[in-house]
Amino acid sequence: MNRRRAFTLLEIIVALALMGSVLVASLLAFSRHRQQLSMAEKRLEATRIADRLVHELSAQQGGLPIASRGAVAGKGDWVWQTSLIGSTVLATVEMQVVRFEIVELGAAPTPLVTVDLVKPAGVP
């Protein structure tokens, strides 16, 4: 008598559970990858905008403002802000360290780019 080997119900259930686990893990990994890619693109764009804004603000009379905040054009939920971090003396010249940030507002504000700049303390 010739017996054919067939899968049992238990083997099929185990195989389906393994395939389901692999599928769920793959979808979660893909979702996390998309989130990281989106954040990287935002940070790259924020870096370009920060470079432009720092040059524009520094070129104005009085230079880069301290303790200021403003909206980023074209980005409704992004703001730029500056704050005084500290001061130091460099070769007998007092310098201020100013932090420039672009922040994405939302439930939890997220800094997209942060740049620390040094400017002479006597310059307004």
PDB file of N, CA and C in Angstrom:
ATOM      1  N   MET A   1       0.830  -1.156   0.000  1.00  0.00           N
ATOM      2  CA  MET A   1       0.000   0.000   0.000  1.00  0.00           C
ATOM      3  C   MET A   1       0.892   1.242   0.000  1.00  0.00           C
ATOM      4  N   ASN A   2       0.556   2.163  -0.831  1.00  0.00           N
ATOM      5  CA  ASN A   2       1.340   3.378  -1.016  1.00  0.00           C
ATOM      6  C   ASN A   2       0.695   4.516  -0.237  1.00  0.00           C
ATOM      7  N   ARG A   3       1.409   4.994   0.811  1.00  0.00           N
ATOM      8  CA  ARG A   3       0.864   6.112   1.614  1.00  0.00           C
ATOM      9  C   ARG A   3       1.508   7.404   1.176  1.00  0.00           C
ATOM     10  N   ARG A   4       0.705   8.369   0.943  1.00  0.00           N
ATOM     11  CA  ARG A   4       1.194   9.684   0.570  1.00  0.00           C
ATOM     12  C   ARG A   4       1.328  10.544   1.811  1.00  0.00           C
ATOM     13  N   ARG A   5       2.451  11.233   1.900  1.00  0.00           N
ATOM     14  CA  ARG A   5       2.693  12.103   3.050  1.00  0.00           C
ATOM     15  C   ARG A   5       1.972  13.422   2.800  1.00  0.00           C
ATOM     16  N   ALA A   6       1.157  13.856   3.732  1.00  0.00           N
ATOM     17  CA  ALA A   6       0.416  15.111   3.619  1.00  0.00           C
ATOM     18  C   ALA A   6       0.700  15.949   4.859  1.00  0.00           C
ATOM     19  N   PHE A   7       0.452  17.245   4.737  1.00  0.00           N
ATOM     20  CA  PHE A   7       0.630  18.141   5.873  1.00  0.00           C
ATOM     21  C   PHE A   7      -0.528  17.966   6.851  1.00  0.00           C
ATOM     22  N   THR A   8      -0.180  17.998   8.108  1.00  0.00           N
ATOM     23  CA  THR A   8      -1.234  17.925   9.108  1.00  0.00           C
ATOM     24  C   THR A   8      -1.742  19.342   9.363  1.00  0.00           C
ATOM     25  N   LEU A   9      -2.880  19.413  10.015  1.00  0.00           N
ATOM     26  CA  LEU A   9      -3.466  20.708  10.324  1.00  0.00           C
ATOM     27  C   LEU A   9      -2.527  21.513  11.225  1.00  0.00           C
ATOM     28  N   LEU A  10      -1.868  20.855  12.157  1.00  0.00           N
ATOM     29  CA  LEU A  10      -0.928  21.524  13.052  1.00  0.00           C
ATOM     30  C   LEU A  10       0.241  22.125  12.268  1.00  0.00           C
ATOM     31  N   GLU A  11       0.786  21.424  11.305  1.00  0.00           N
ATOM     32  CA  GLU A  11       1.896  21.943  10.491  1.00  0.00           C
ATOM     33  C   GLU A  11       1.456  23.161   9.679  1.00  0.00           C
ATOM     34  N   ILE A  12       0.246  23.136   9.182  1.00  0.00           N
ATOM     35  CA  ILE A  12      -0.266  24.268   8.404  1.00  0.00           C
ATOM     36  C   ILE A  12      -0.454  25.484   9.307  1.00  0.00           C
ATOM     37  N   ILE A  13      -0.966  25.283  10.507  1.00  0.00           N
ATOM     38  CA  ILE A  13      -1.165  26.403  11.435  1.00  0.00           C
ATOM     39  C   ILE A  13       0.175  27.007  11.833  1.00  0.00           C
ATOM     40  N   VAL A  14       1.171  26.174  12.111  1.00  0.00           N
ATOM     41  CA  VAL A  14       2.505  26.667  12.477  1.00  0.00           C
ATOM     42  C   VAL A  14       3.113  27.448  11.311  1.00  0.00           C
ATOM     43  N   ALA A  15       2.985  26.943  10.097  1.00  0.00           N
ATOM     44  CA  ALA A  15       3.522  27.636   8.921  1.00  0.00           C
ATOM     45  C   ALA A  15       2.840  28.988   8.718  1.00  0.00           C
ATOM     46  N   LEU A  16       1.524  29.031   8.892  1.00  0.00           N
ATOM     47  CA  LEU A  16       0.807  30.296   8.751  1.00  0.00           C
ATOM     48  C   LEU A  16       1.217  31.289   9.843  1.00  0.00           C
ATOM     49  N   ALA A  17       1.416  30.819  11.062  1.00  0.00           N
ATOM     50  CA  ALA A  17       1.854  31.696  12.148  1.00  0.00           C
ATOM     51  C   ALA A  17       3.244  32.259  11.856  1.00  0.00           C
ATOM     52  N   LEU A  18       4.138  31.435  11.351  1.00  0.00           N
ATOM     53  CA  LEU A  18       5.485  31.908  10.997  1.00  0.00           C
ATOM     54  C   LEU A  18       5.431  32.929   9.863  1.00  0.00           C
ATOM     55  N   MET A  19       4.636  32.637   8.848  1.00  0.00           N
ATOM     56  CA  MET A  19       4.520  33.572   7.729  1.00  0.00           C
ATOM     57  C   MET A  19       3.898  34.888   8.197  1.00  0.00           C
ATOM     58  N   GLY A  20       2.892  34.818   9.068  1.00  0.00           N
ATOM     59  CA  GLY A  20       2.271  36.026   9.595  1.00  0.00           C
ATOM     60  C   GLY A  20       3.256  36.857  10.401  1.00  0.00           C
ATOM     61  N   SER A  21       4.083  36.195  11.215  1.00  0.00           N
ATOM     62  CA  SER A  21       5.089  36.906  12.011  1.00  0.00           C
ATOM     63  C   SER A  21       6.096  37.606  11.113  1.00  0.00           C
ATOM     64  N   VAL A  22       6.549  36.936  10.091  1.00  0.00           N
ATOM     65  CA  VAL A  22       7.510  37.532   9.163  1.00  0.00           C
ATOM     66  C   VAL A  22       6.871  38.709   8.427  1.00  0.00           C
ATOM     67  N   LEU A  23       5.624  38.569   8.029  1.00  0.00           N
ATOM     68  CA  LEU A  23       4.936  39.648   7.324  1.00  0.00           C
ATOM     69  C   LEU A  23       4.751  40.869   8.225  1.00  0.00           C
ATOM     70  N   VAL A  24       4.327  40.659   9.464  1.00  0.00           N
ATOM     71  CA  VAL A  24       4.137  41.775  10.398  1.00  0.00           C
ATOM     72  C   VAL A  24       5.472  42.464  10.674  1.00  0.00           C
ATOM     73  N   ALA A  25       6.529  41.696  10.903  1.00  0.00           N
ATOM     74  CA  ALA A  25       7.849  42.276  11.153  1.00  0.00           C
ATOM     75  C   ALA A  25       8.322  43.085   9.950  1.00  0.00           C
ATOM     76  N   SER A  26       8.072  42.591   8.753  1.00  0.00           N
ATOM     77  CA  SER A  26       8.475  43.315   7.543  1.00  0.00           C
ATOM     78  C   SER A  26       7.709  44.625   7.398  1.00  0.00           C
ATOM     79  N   LEU A  27       6.415  44.601   7.671  1.00  0.00           N
ATOM     80  CA  LEU A  27       5.610  45.818   7.567  1.00  0.00           C
ATOM     81  C   LEU A  27       6.015  46.843   8.622  1.00  0.00           C
ATOM     82  N   LEU A  28       6.310  46.401   9.832  1.00  0.00           N
ATOM     83  CA  LEU A  28       6.761  47.326  10.871  1.00  0.00           C
ATOM     84  C   LEU A  28       8.110  47.941  10.513  1.00  0.00           C
ATOM     85  N   ALA A  29       9.011  47.133   9.979  1.00  0.00           N
ATOM     86  CA  ALA A  29      10.322  47.646   9.572  1.00  0.00           C
ATOM     87  C   ALA A  29      10.173  48.650   8.426  1.00  0.00           C
ATOM     88  N   PHE A  30       9.301  48.363   7.480  1.00  0.00           N
ATOM     89  CA  PHE A  30       9.087  49.282   6.367  1.00  0.00           C
ATOM     90  C   PHE A  30       8.495  50.597   6.853  1.00  0.00           C
ATOM     91  N   SER A  31       7.532  50.512   7.781  1.00  0.00           N
ATOM     92  CA  SER A  31       6.917  51.718   8.336  1.00  0.00           C
ATOM     93  C   SER A  31       7.961  52.574   9.054  1.00  0.00           C
ATOM     94  N   ARG A  32       8.799  51.954   9.855  1.00  0.00           N
ATOM     95  CA  ARG A  32       9.854  52.697  10.572  1.00  0.00           C
ATOM     96  C   ARG A  32      10.831  53.326   9.576  1.00  0.00           C
ATOM     97  N   HIS A  33      11.152  52.599   8.518  1.00  0.00           N
ATOM     98  CA  HIS A  33      12.046  53.126   7.487  1.00  0.00           C
ATOM     99  C   HIS A  33      11.446  54.372   6.839  1.00  0.00           C
ATOM    100  N   ARG A  34      10.157  54.348   6.536  1.00  0.00           N
ATOM    101  CA  ARG A  34       9.498  55.502   5.922  1.00  0.00           C
ATOM    102  C   ARG A  34       9.505  56.705   6.869  1.00  0.00           C
ATOM    103  N   GLN A  35       9.294  56.474   8.177  1.00  0.00           N
ATOM    104  CA  GLN A  35       9.329  57.562   9.149  1.00  0.00           C
ATOM    105  C   GLN A  35      10.719  58.182   9.211  1.00  0.00           C
ATOM    106  N   GLN A  36      11.745  57.342   9.236  1.00  0.00           N
ATOM    107  CA  GLN A  36      13.113  57.849   9.301  1.00  0.00           C
ATOM    108  C   GLN A  36      13.480  58.600   8.024  1.00  0.00           C
ATOM    109  N   LEU A  37      13.035  58.100   6.885  1.00  0.00           N
ATOM    110  CA  LEU A  37      13.300  58.773   5.620  1.00  0.00           C
ATOM    111  C   LEU A  37      12.611  60.136   5.575  1.00  0.00           C
ATOM    112  N   SER A  38      11.372  60.197   6.044  1.00  0.00           N
ATOM    113  CA  SER A  38      10.639  61.458   6.081  1.00  0.00           C
ATOM    114  C   SER A  38      11.341  62.470   6.986  1.00  0.00           C
ATOM    115  N   MET A  39      11.805  62.035   8.165  1.00  0.00           N
ATOM    116  CA  MET A  39      12.501  62.933   9.085  1.00  0.00           C
ATOM    117  C   MET A  39      13.822  63.404   8.486  1.00  0.00           C
ATOM    118  N   ALA A  40      14.529  62.522   7.807  1.00  0.00           N
ATOM    119  CA  ALA A  40      15.796  62.913   7.176  1.00  0.00           C
ATOM    120  C   ALA A  40      15.564  63.967   6.098  1.00  0.00           C
ATOM    121  N   GLU A  41      14.499  63.805   5.320  1.00  0.00           N
ATOM    122  CA  GLU A  41      14.183  64.789   4.285  1.00  0.00           C
ATOM    123  C   GLU A  41      13.810  66.142   4.902  1.00  0.00           C
ATOM    124  N   LYS A  42      13.038  66.104   6.006  1.00  0.00           N
ATOM    125  CA  LYS A  42      12.689  67.352   6.696  1.00  0.00           C
ATOM    126  C   LYS A  42      13.936  68.054   7.226  1.00  0.00           C
ATOM    127  N   ARG A  43      14.838  67.286   7.815  1.00  0.00           N
ATOM    128  CA  ARG A  43      16.050  67.885   8.376  1.00  0.00           C
ATOM    129  C   ARG A  43      16.955  68.451   7.296  1.00  0.00           C
ATOM    130  N   LEU A  44      17.013  67.786   6.162  1.00  0.00           N
ATOM    131  CA  LEU A  44      17.810  68.295   5.051  1.00  0.00           C
ATOM    132  C   LEU A  44      17.227  69.613   4.544  1.00  0.00           C
ATOM    133  N   GLU A  45      15.915  69.666   4.398  1.00  0.00           N
ATOM    134  CA  GLU A  45      15.264  70.909   3.960  1.00  0.00           C
ATOM    135  C   GLU A  45      15.441  72.006   5.013  1.00  0.00           C
ATOM    136  N   ALA A  46      15.306  71.647   6.297  1.00  0.00           N
ATOM    137  CA  ALA A  46      15.486  72.620   7.373  1.00  0.00           C
ATOM    138  C   ALA A  46      16.915  73.163   7.394  1.00  0.00           C
ATOM    139  N   THR A  47      17.888  72.335   7.069  1.00  0.00           N
ATOM    140  CA  THR A  47      19.282  72.780   7.016  1.00  0.00           C
ATOM    141  C   THR A  47      19.482  73.806   5.912  1.00  0.00           C
ATOM    142  N   ARG A  48      18.889  73.557   4.762  1.00  0.00           N
ATOM    143  CA  ARG A  48      18.976  74.530   3.657  1.00  0.00           C
ATOM    144  C   ARG A  48      18.319  75.862   4.042  1.00  0.00           C
ATOM    145  N   ILE A  49      17.138  75.771   4.664  1.00  0.00           N
ATOM    146  CA  ILE A  49      16.427  76.972   5.070  1.00  0.00           C
ATOM    147  C   ILE A  49      17.215  77.712   6.149  1.00  0.00           C
ATOM    148  N   ALA A  50      17.782  76.983   7.113  1.00  0.00           N
ATOM    149  CA  ALA A  50      18.570  77.611   8.179  1.00  0.00           C
ATOM    150  C   ALA A  50      19.770  78.346   7.602  1.00  0.00           C
ATOM    151  N   ASP A  51      20.435  77.749   6.635  1.00  0.00           N
ATOM    152  CA  ASP A  51      21.584  78.403   6.009  1.00  0.00           C
ATOM    153  C   ASP A  51      21.170  79.716   5.370  1.00  0.00           C
ATOM    154  N   ARG A  52      20.060  79.690   4.651  1.00  0.00           N
ATOM    155  CA  ARG A  52      19.563  80.912   3.993  1.00  0.00           C
ATOM    156  C   ARG A  52      19.151  81.959   5.030  1.00  0.00           C
ATOM    157  N   LEU A  53      18.409  81.526   6.057  1.00  0.00           N
ATOM    158  CA  LEU A  53      17.937  82.474   7.070  1.00  0.00           C
ATOM    159  C   LEU A  53      19.080  83.087   7.871  1.00  0.00           C
ATOM    160  N   VAL A  54      20.077  82.304   8.229  1.00  0.00           N
ATOM    161  CA  VAL A  54      21.213  82.847   8.983  1.00  0.00           C
ATOM    162  C   VAL A  54      21.922  83.902   8.152  1.00  0.00           C
ATOM    163  N   HIS A  55      22.096  83.641   6.851  1.00  0.00           N
ATOM    164  CA  HIS A  55      22.735  84.642   5.994  1.00  0.00           C
ATOM    165  C   HIS A  55      21.877  85.903   5.879  1.00  0.00           C
ATOM    166  N   GLU A  56      20.568  85.741   5.707  1.00  0.00           N
ATOM    167  CA  GLU A  56      19.678  86.898   5.588  1.00  0.00           C
ATOM    168  C   GLU A  56      19.643  87.710   6.884  1.00  0.00           C
ATOM    169  N   LEU A  57      19.496  87.038   8.018  1.00  0.00           N
ATOM    170  CA  LEU A  57      19.419  87.742   9.294  1.00  0.00           C
ATOM    171  C   LEU A  57      20.740  88.399   9.664  1.00  0.00           C
ATOM    172  N   SER A  58      21.847  87.754   9.338  1.00  0.00           N
ATOM    173  CA  SER A  58      23.160  88.321   9.645  1.00  0.00           C
ATOM    174  C   SER A  58      23.454  89.538   8.791  1.00  0.00           C
ATOM    175  N   ALA A  59      22.876  89.591   7.601  1.00  0.00           N
ATOM    176  CA  ALA A  59      23.124  90.706   6.689  1.00  0.00           C
ATOM    177  C   ALA A  59      22.314  91.947   7.077  1.00  0.00           C
ATOM    178  N   GLN A  60      21.294  91.775   7.904  1.00  0.00           N
ATOM    179  CA  GLN A  60      20.487  92.924   8.319  1.00  0.00           C
ATOM    180  C   GLN A  60      21.278  93.814   9.266  1.00  0.00           C
ATOM    181  N   GLN A  61      20.824  95.049   9.359  1.00  0.00           N
ATOM    182  CA  GLN A  61      21.463  95.974  10.292  1.00  0.00           C
ATOM    183  C   GLN A  61      21.268  95.434  11.710  1.00  0.00           C
ATOM    184  N   GLY A  62      22.326  95.363  12.466  1.00  0.00           N
ATOM    185  CA  GLY A  62      22.270  94.812  13.810  1.00  0.00           C
ATOM    186  C   GLY A  62      22.657  93.345  13.856  1.00  0.00           C
ATOM    187  N   GLY A  63      22.725  92.714  12.718  1.00  0.00           N
ATOM    188  CA  GLY A  63      23.146  91.312  12.670  1.00  0.00           C
ATOM    189  C   GLY A  63      22.087  90.355  13.168  1.00  0.00           C
ATOM    190  N   LEU A  64      22.521  89.180  13.498  1.00  0.00           N
ATOM    191  CA  LEU A  64      21.636  88.114  13.949  1.00  0.00           C
ATOM    192  C   LEU A  64      20.968  88.514  15.268  1.00  0.00           C
ATOM    193  N   PRO A  65      19.633  88.544  15.305  1.00  0.00           N
ATOM    194  CA  PRO A  65      18.954  88.944  16.539  1.00  0.00           C
ATOM    195  C   PRO A  65      19.055  87.848  17.607  1.00  0.00           C
ATOM    196  N   ILE A  66      19.075  88.293  18.860  1.00  0.00           N
ATOM    197  CA  ILE A  66      19.138  87.351  19.977  1.00  0.00           C
ATOM    198  C   ILE A  66      17.771  87.312  20.646  1.00  0.00           C
ATOM    199  N   ALA A  67      17.354  86.120  21.073  1.00  0.00           N
ATOM    200  CA  ALA A  67      16.057  85.912  21.727  1.00  0.00           C
ATOM    201  C   ALA A  67      14.917  86.361  20.812  1.00  0.00           C
ATOM    202  N   SER A  68      14.968  85.895  19.570  1.00  0.00           N
ATOM    203  CA  SER A  68      13.933  86.229  18.592  1.00  0.00           C
ATOM    204  C   SER A  68      13.306  84.945  18.061  1.00  0.00           C
ATOM    205  N   ARG A  69      12.174  85.132  17.428  1.00  0.00           N
ATOM    206  CA  ARG A  69      11.446  83.990  16.877  1.00  0.00           C
ATOM    207  C   ARG A  69      10.659  84.462  15.674  1.00  0.00           C
ATOM    208  N   GLY A  70      10.516  83.605  14.674  1.00  0.00           N
ATOM    209  CA  GLY A  70       9.757  83.963  13.498  1.00  0.00           C
ATOM    210  C   GLY A  70       9.269  82.738  12.761  1.00  0.00           C
ATOM    211  N   ALA A  71       8.309  82.939  11.897  1.00  0.00           N
ATOM    212  CA  ALA A  71       7.755  81.846  11.097  1.00  0.00           C
ATOM    213  C   ALA A  71       8.677  81.569   9.914  1.00  0.00           C
ATOM    214  N   VAL A  72       8.724  80.320   9.506  1.00  0.00           N
ATOM    215  CA  VAL A  72       9.470  79.938   8.310  1.00  0.00           C
ATOM    216  C   VAL A  72       8.500  80.011   7.142  1.00  0.00           C
ATOM    217  N   ALA A  73       8.831  80.827   6.151  1.00  0.00           N
ATOM    218  CA  ALA A  73       7.949  81.027   4.995  1.00  0.00           C
ATOM    219  C   ALA A  73       7.697  79.700   4.277  1.00  0.00           C
ATOM    220  N   GLY A  74       6.426  79.444   3.991  1.00  0.00           N
ATOM    221  CA  GLY A  74       6.065  78.242   3.259  1.00  0.00           C
ATOM    222  C   GLY A  74       5.919  77.003   4.131  1.00  0.00           C
ATOM    223  N   LYS A  75       6.243  77.126   5.398  1.00  0.00           N
ATOM    224  CA  LYS A  75       6.133  75.987   6.323  1.00  0.00           C
ATOM    225  C   LYS A  75       5.286  76.436   7.504  1.00  0.00           C
ATOM    226  N   GLY A  76       4.011  76.161   7.466  1.00  0.00           N
ATOM    227  CA  GLY A  76       3.091  76.666   8.477  1.00  0.00           C
ATOM    228  C   GLY A  76       3.387  76.228   9.892  1.00  0.00           C
ATOM    229  N   ASP A  77       3.978  75.055  10.059  1.00  0.00           N
ATOM    230  CA  ASP A  77       4.221  74.565  11.418  1.00  0.00           C
ATOM    231  C   ASP A  77       5.698  74.597  11.807  1.00  0.00           C
ATOM    232  N   TRP A  78       6.523  75.339  11.062  1.00  0.00           N
ATOM    233  CA  TRP A  78       7.942  75.489  11.391  1.00  0.00           C
ATOM    234  C   TRP A  78       8.194  76.919  11.848  1.00  0.00           C
ATOM    235  N   VAL A  79       9.031  77.075  12.874  1.00  0.00           N
ATOM    236  CA  VAL A  79       9.469  78.388  13.323  1.00  0.00           C
ATOM    237  C   VAL A  79      10.981  78.366  13.504  1.00  0.00           C
ATOM    238  N   TRP A  80      11.582  79.544  13.355  1.00  0.00           N
ATOM    239  CA  TRP A  80      12.998  79.680  13.689  1.00  0.00           C
ATOM    240  C   TRP A  80      13.067  80.465  14.984  1.00  0.00           C
ATOM    241  N   GLN A  81      14.098  80.194  15.755  1.00  0.00           N
ATOM    242  CA  GLN A  81      14.275  80.932  16.999  1.00  0.00           C
ATOM    243  C   GLN A  81      15.750  81.024  17.347  1.00  0.00           C
ATOM    244  N   THR A  82      16.089  82.100  18.035  1.00  0.00           N
ATOM    245  CA  THR A  82      17.456  82.290  18.491  1.00  0.00           C
ATOM    246  C   THR A  82      17.448  82.473  20.002  1.00  0.00           C
ATOM    247  N   SER A  83      18.517  82.063  20.626  1.00  0.00           N
ATOM    248  CA  SER A  83      18.660  82.251  22.076  1.00  0.00           C
ATOM    249  C   SER A  83      20.142  82.405  22.399  1.00  0.00           C
ATOM    250  N   LEU A  84      20.401  83.170  23.441  1.00  0.00           N
ATOM    251  CA  LEU A  84      21.767  83.379  23.894  1.00  0.00           C
ATOM    252  C   LEU A  84      22.163  82.182  24.752  1.00  0.00           C
ATOM    253  N   ILE A  85      23.224  81.503  24.337  1.00  0.00           N
ATOM    254  CA  ILE A  85      23.688  80.319  25.056  1.00  0.00           C
ATOM    255  C   ILE A  85      24.706  80.711  26.123  1.00  0.00           C
ATOM    256  N   GLY A  86      25.552  81.658  25.803  1.00  0.00           N
ATOM    257  CA  GLY A  86      26.562  82.094  26.747  1.00  0.00           C
ATOM    258  C   GLY A  86      27.495  83.094  26.098  1.00  0.00           C
ATOM    259  N   SER A  87      28.555  83.419  26.803  1.00  0.00           N
ATOM    260  CA  SER A  87      29.556  84.318  26.243  1.00  0.00           C
ATOM    261  C   SER A  87      30.930  83.823  26.644  1.00  0.00           C
ATOM    262  N   THR A  88      31.916  84.243  25.877  1.00  0.00           N
ATOM    263  CA  THR A  88      33.292  83.843  26.123  1.00  0.00           C
ATOM    264  C   THR A  88      34.213  84.949  25.637  1.00  0.00           C
ATOM    265  N   VAL A  89      35.460  84.872  26.032  1.00  0.00           N
ATOM    266  CA  VAL A  89      36.447  85.832  25.569  1.00  0.00           C
ATOM    267  C   VAL A  89      37.404  85.103  24.637  1.00  0.00           C
ATOM    268  N   LEU A  90      37.572  85.675  23.474  1.00  0.00           N
ATOM    269  CA  LEU A  90      38.448  85.092  22.470  1.00  0.00           C
ATOM    270  C   LEU A  90      39.452  86.158  22.058  1.00  0.00           C
ATOM    271  N   ALA A  91      40.704  85.987  22.462  1.00  0.00           N
ATOM    272  CA  ALA A  91      41.775  86.933  22.139  1.00  0.00           C
ATOM    273  C   ALA A  91      41.383  88.361  22.524  1.00  0.00           C
ATOM    274  N   THR A  92      40.953  88.531  23.734  1.00  0.00           N
ATOM    275  CA  THR A  92      40.564  89.812  24.337  1.00  0.00           C
ATOM    276  C   THR A  92      39.283  90.421  23.764  1.00  0.00           C
ATOM    277  N   VAL A  93      38.565  89.682  22.961  1.00  0.00           N
ATOM    278  CA  VAL A  93      37.294  90.162  22.414  1.00  0.00           C
ATOM    279  C   VAL A  93      36.180  89.317  23.021  1.00  0.00           C
ATOM    280  N   GLU A  94      35.228  89.997  23.659  1.00  0.00           N
ATOM    281  CA  GLU A  94      34.111  89.250  24.233  1.00  0.00           C
ATOM    282  C   GLU A  94      33.179  88.800  23.108  1.00  0.00           C
ATOM    283  N   MET A  95      32.831  87.524  23.151  1.00  0.00           N
ATOM    284  CA  MET A  95      31.987  86.928  22.108  1.00  0.00           C
ATOM    285  C   MET A  95      30.736  86.342  22.747  1.00  0.00           C
ATOM    286  N   GLN A  96      29.640  86.361  21.998  1.00  0.00           N
ATOM    287  CA  GLN A  96      28.393  85.740  22.433  1.00  0.00           C
ATOM    288  C   GLN A  96      28.153  84.494  21.597  1.00  0.00           C
ATOM    289  N   VAL A  97      27.672  83.463  22.244  1.00  0.00           N
ATOM    290  CA  VAL A  97      27.300  82.239  21.537  1.00  0.00           C
ATOM    291  C   VAL A  97      25.778  82.247  21.412  1.00  0.00           C
ATOM    292  N   VAL A  98      25.306  82.264  20.173  1.00  0.00           N
ATOM    293  CA  VAL A  98      23.878  82.348  19.885  1.00  0.00           C
ATOM    294  C   VAL A  98      23.443  81.048  19.221  1.00  0.00           C
ATOM    295  N   ARG A  99      22.391  80.462  19.742  1.00  0.00           N
ATOM    296  CA  ARG A  99      21.845  79.231  19.149  1.00  0.00           C
ATOM    297  C   ARG A  99      20.699  79.597  18.215  1.00  0.00           C
ATOM    298  N   PHE A 100      20.793  79.096  16.985  1.00  0.00           N
ATOM    299  CA  PHE A 100      19.751  79.278  15.978  1.00  0.00           C
ATOM    300  C   PHE A 100      19.123  77.911  15.740  1.00  0.00           C
ATOM    301  N   GLU A 101      17.796  77.841  15.840  1.00  0.00           N
ATOM    302  CA  GLU A 101      17.101  76.570  15.659  1.00  0.00           C
ATOM    303  C   GLU A 101      15.918  76.735  14.718  1.00  0.00           C
ATOM    304  N   ILE A 102      15.623  75.661  14.014  1.00  0.00           N
ATOM    305  CA  ILE A 102      14.358  75.551  13.300  1.00  0.00           C
ATOM    306  C   ILE A 102      13.619  74.399  13.966  1.00  0.00           C
ATOM    307  N   VAL A 103      12.393  74.703  14.430  1.00  0.00           N
ATOM    308  CA  VAL A 103      11.604  73.746  15.195  1.00  0.00           C
ATOM    309  C   VAL A 103      10.298  73.479  14.475  1.00  0.00           C
ATOM    310  N   GLU A 104       9.915  72.215  14.426  1.00  0.00           N
ATOM    311  CA  GLU A 104       8.604  71.840  13.891  1.00  0.00           C
ATOM    312  C   GLU A 104       7.638  71.771  15.070  1.00  0.00           C
ATOM    313  N   LEU A 105       6.615  72.615  15.030  1.00  0.00           N
ATOM    314  CA  LEU A 105       5.635  72.646  16.111  1.00  0.00           C
ATOM    315  C   LEU A 105       4.663  71.490  15.942  1.00  0.00           C
ATOM    316  N   GLY A 106       4.054  71.120  17.010  1.00  0.00           N
ATOM    317  CA  GLY A 106       3.084  70.026  16.990  1.00  0.00           C
ATOM    318  C   GLY A 106       2.820  69.597  18.410  1.00  0.00           C
ATOM    319  N   ALA A 107       2.324  68.382  18.569  1.00  0.00           N
ATOM    320  CA  ALA A 107       2.059  67.866  19.913  1.00  0.00           C
ATOM    321  C   ALA A 107       3.339  67.877  20.748  1.00  0.00           C
ATOM    322  N   ALA A 108       4.425  67.476  20.119  1.00  0.00           N
ATOM    323  CA  ALA A 108       5.741  67.532  20.771  1.00  0.00           C
ATOM    324  C   ALA A 108       6.673  68.291  19.828  1.00  0.00           C
ATOM    325  N   PRO A 109       6.986  69.574  20.115  1.00  0.00           N
ATOM    326  CA  PRO A 109       7.870  70.329  19.226  1.00  0.00           C
ATOM    327  C   PRO A 109       9.188  69.591  19.004  1.00  0.00           C
ATOM    328  N   THR A 110       9.582  69.497  17.723  1.00  0.00           N
ATOM    329  CA  THR A 110      10.771  68.747  17.341  1.00  0.00           C
ATOM    330  C   THR A 110      11.794  69.672  16.717  1.00  0.00           C
ATOM    331  N   PRO A 111      12.984  69.809  17.321  1.00  0.00           N
ATOM    332  CA  PRO A 111      14.036  70.598  16.664  1.00  0.00           C
ATOM    333  C   PRO A 111      14.524  69.854  15.419  1.00  0.00           C
ATOM    334  N   LEU A 112      14.485  70.534  14.292  1.00  0.00           N
ATOM    335  CA  LEU A 112      14.937  69.919  13.050  1.00  0.00           C
ATOM    336  C   LEU A 112      16.410  70.199  12.783  1.00  0.00           C
ATOM    337  N   VAL A 113      16.842  71.418  13.131  1.00  0.00           N
ATOM    338  CA  VAL A 113      18.252  71.777  12.950  1.00  0.00           C
ATOM    339  C   VAL A 113      18.627  72.789  14.028  1.00  0.00           C
ATOM    340  N   THR A 114      19.830  72.634  14.550  1.00  0.00           N
ATOM    341  CA  THR A 114      20.353  73.537  15.574  1.00  0.00           C
ATOM    342  C   THR A 114      21.762  73.931  15.193  1.00  0.00           C
ATOM    343  N   VAL A 115      22.017  75.256  15.209  1.00  0.00           N
ATOM    344  CA  VAL A 115      23.342  75.771  14.866  1.00  0.00           C
ATOM    345  C   VAL A 115      23.758  76.752  15.952  1.00  0.00           C
ATOM    346  N   ASP A 116      24.960  76.579  16.488  1.00  0.00           N
ATOM    347  CA  ASP A 116      25.497  77.537  17.446  1.00  0.00           C
ATOM    348  C   ASP A 116      26.446  78.477  16.711  1.00  0.00           C
ATOM    349  N   LEU A 117      26.198  79.780  16.839  1.00  0.00           N
ATOM    350  CA  LEU A 117      26.973  80.795  16.132  1.00  0.00           C
ATOM    351  C   LEU A 117      27.678  81.686  17.155  1.00  0.00           C
ATOM    352  N   VAL A 118      28.796  82.247  16.757  1.00  0.00           N
ATOM    353  CA  VAL A 118      29.555  83.144  17.625  1.00  0.00           C
ATOM    354  C   VAL A 118      29.587  84.514  16.974  1.00  0.00           C
ATOM    355  N   LYS A 119      29.272  85.548  17.781  1.00  0.00           N
ATOM    356  CA  LYS A 119      29.336  86.913  17.271  1.00  0.00           C
ATOM    357  C   LYS A 119      29.919  87.810  18.358  1.00  0.00           C
ATOM    358  N   PRO A 120      30.588  88.890  17.955  1.00  0.00           N
ATOM    359  CA  PRO A 120      31.164  89.802  18.959  1.00  0.00           C
ATOM    360  C   PRO A 120      30.064  90.385  19.844  1.00  0.00           C
ATOM    361  N   ALA A 121      30.350  90.481  21.154  1.00  0.00           N
ATOM    362  CA  ALA A 121      29.351  90.941  22.118  1.00  0.00           C
ATOM    363  C   ALA A 121      29.008  92.423  21.918  1.00  0.00           C
ATOM    364  N   GLY A 122      29.934  93.230  21.462  1.00  0.00           N
ATOM    365  CA  GLY A 122      29.678  94.643  21.290  1.00  0.00           C
ATOM    366  C   GLY A 122      28.809  94.972  20.114  1.00  0.00           C
ATOM    367  N   VAL A 123      28.612  94.033  19.184  1.00  0.00           N
ATOM    368  CA  VAL A 123      27.803  94.265  17.996  1.00  0.00           C
ATOM    369  C   VAL A 123      26.353  94.014  18.368  1.00  0.00           C
ATOM    370  N   PRO A 124      25.452  94.951  18.114  1.00  0.00           N
ATOM    371  CA  PRO A 124      24.036  94.764  18.480  1.00  0.00           C
ATOM    372  C   PRO A 124      23.403  93.616  17.731  1.00  0.00           C
TER     373      PRO A 124
END
